[in-house]
Amino acid sequence: MEIKRVTEYNNPLFSQIVLNQRGAFLIDEEPYEIEIISSDSASVKGKNRENYVLCICKSFTGLTYTSYCF
């Protein structure tokens, strides 16, 4: 499984808000996004819900799925 953070600010697969927040990811070339919606909440979207934790871990730690994410 390959997880890549999308770092450019122009990508038609993602909303501009998500791109500006650097919450855009590709997991095996499928788009996933994390959008911060308040000081303690975020919306996570993507094809496979089982991959959501991978996006969250990558977003906050820069690491792939490990026990450090919990």
Protein backbone atom coordinates (compact mmCIF):
# COMPACT_ATOMS: atom_id res chain seq x y z
CA MET A 1 0.00 0.00 0.00
CA GLU A 2 1.40 3.36 -1.04
CA ILE A 3 0.39 6.54 0.82
CA LYS A 4 1.33 9.91 -0.65
CA ARG A 5 0.52 13.36 0.68
CA VAL A 6 -0.54 15.75 -2.08
CA THR A 7 1.65 18.83 -1.69
CA GLU A 8 0.60 20.98 -4.64
CA TYR A 9 -2.16 23.54 -4.20
CA ASN A 10 -3.81 22.81 -7.55
CA ASN A 11 -5.37 19.37 -7.91
CA PRO A 12 -8.86 18.77 -9.32
CA LEU A 13 -9.36 15.68 -7.13
CA PHE A 14 -9.57 17.77 -3.94
CA SER A 15 -11.31 20.89 -2.66
CA GLN A 16 -9.20 24.01 -2.32
CA ILE A 17 -9.85 24.05 1.43
CA VAL A 18 -8.39 20.56 1.84
CA LEU A 19 -5.39 21.42 -0.34
CA ASN A 20 -4.71 24.58 1.67
CA GLN A 21 -4.89 22.58 4.91
CA ARG A 22 -2.51 19.97 3.43
CA GLY A 23 -5.08 17.27 4.14
CA ALA A 24 -5.04 15.63 0.70
CA PHE A 25 -3.69 12.10 0.30
CA LEU A 26 -3.52 9.40 -2.33
CA ILE A 27 -3.67 5.82 -1.08
CA ASP A 28 -2.92 3.46 -3.93
CA GLU A 29 -3.81 6.36 -6.27
CA GLU A 30 -7.30 6.78 -4.70
CA PRO A 31 -8.08 10.24 -3.22
CA TYR A 32 -8.61 10.65 0.54
CA GLU A 33 -9.01 13.94 2.36
CA ILE A 34 -9.01 15.30 5.87
CA GLU A 35 -10.74 18.66 6.32
CA ILE A 36 -10.46 20.45 9.65
CA ILE A 37 -13.96 21.76 10.39
CA SER A 38 -13.54 23.10 13.93
CA SER A 39 -10.98 23.29 16.73
CA ASP A 40 -11.72 19.69 17.72
CA SER A 41 -13.29 18.08 14.64
CA ALA A 42 -12.34 16.92 11.17
CA SER A 43 -14.10 15.31 8.25
CA VAL A 44 -12.37 12.35 6.59
CA LYS A 45 -13.47 11.20 3.13
CA GLY A 46 -12.30 8.51 0.76
CA LYS A 47 -13.16 5.28 -0.98
CA ASN A 48 -12.36 2.78 1.77
CA ARG A 49 -13.16 3.63 5.40
CA GLU A 50 -10.55 1.13 6.58
CA ASN A 51 -7.85 3.46 5.21
CA TYR A 52 -9.03 6.52 7.18
CA VAL A 53 -6.72 5.80 10.11
CA LEU A 54 -3.79 5.70 7.68
CA CYS A 55 -4.59 9.23 6.51
CA ILE A 56 -4.95 10.49 10.06
CA CYS A 57 -1.67 8.93 11.19
CA LYS A 58 0.18 10.24 8.14
CA SER A 59 -1.32 13.69 8.63
CA PHE A 60 -0.35 14.11 12.27
CA THR A 61 2.86 12.13 12.55
CA GLY A 62 4.30 11.93 9.08
CA LEU A 63 4.51 8.18 9.64
CA THR A 64 2.59 5.27 8.27
CA TYR A 65 0.26 3.22 10.47
CA THR A 66 2.01 2.35 13.74
CA SER A 67 1.10 1.96 17.37
CA TYR A 68 2.34 5.55 17.88
CA CYS A 69 -0.81 6.81 16.17
CA PHE A 70 -3.02 5.77 19.08
